[in-house]
Amino acid sequence: MKLLVEQSLDCKETEIKITCGLMDERLKRLIEQIRLFSFSVRAEKDGMTIPIPLEDIYYFDTVDNKTFLYIEKDVYRCDKKLYELEMQLADTPFIRISKSCVLNTSVVLSIRAHLSGRLEATLKNGEKVIISKHYIKGFRDKFEE
């Protein structure tokens, strides 16, 4: 693999171009990571709206028809619906793990099986989330990539 970086003060926007023969799994993961770093989600807390970079977001959760995003030590309100986020984040490490949660698989430290057939994921911040039976296959496919 060859990496070329061209730096210019005339450049207005960063452009990443990948030229390849056959797309393999490693290249797909690299592209997912690049996409992760190129997006942010607008969120609100204490009356202020700020962009939160995707790589900082652990998961999105819906409670009482309100969507929240969780970062390492904080929670923000997000005005998007979970299904909108799921579609927008399809080519990133994010995956739906229950009816009310979309998880960033890149913050998962470990997974453990429950007797009920569900999985429990432990995140980098020590928090634990449950992966529902219905979403296990999709989660495993994304997590193992």
Foldseek 3Di string as FASTA:
>chain_A
DDDDDDDDPPDPDDDDDDDDDDDDPVNLQVVQVVVQQVDWAWWDDPHDIDTHRSVQWFKWFDDPNWIWTDGLPDITTGPDGPVVVCVVSVSHQWDDQDPTMIGRLVQFPDWDADPVQWIWTQGVSRDIDIRDNVCVVVNCVSNVD
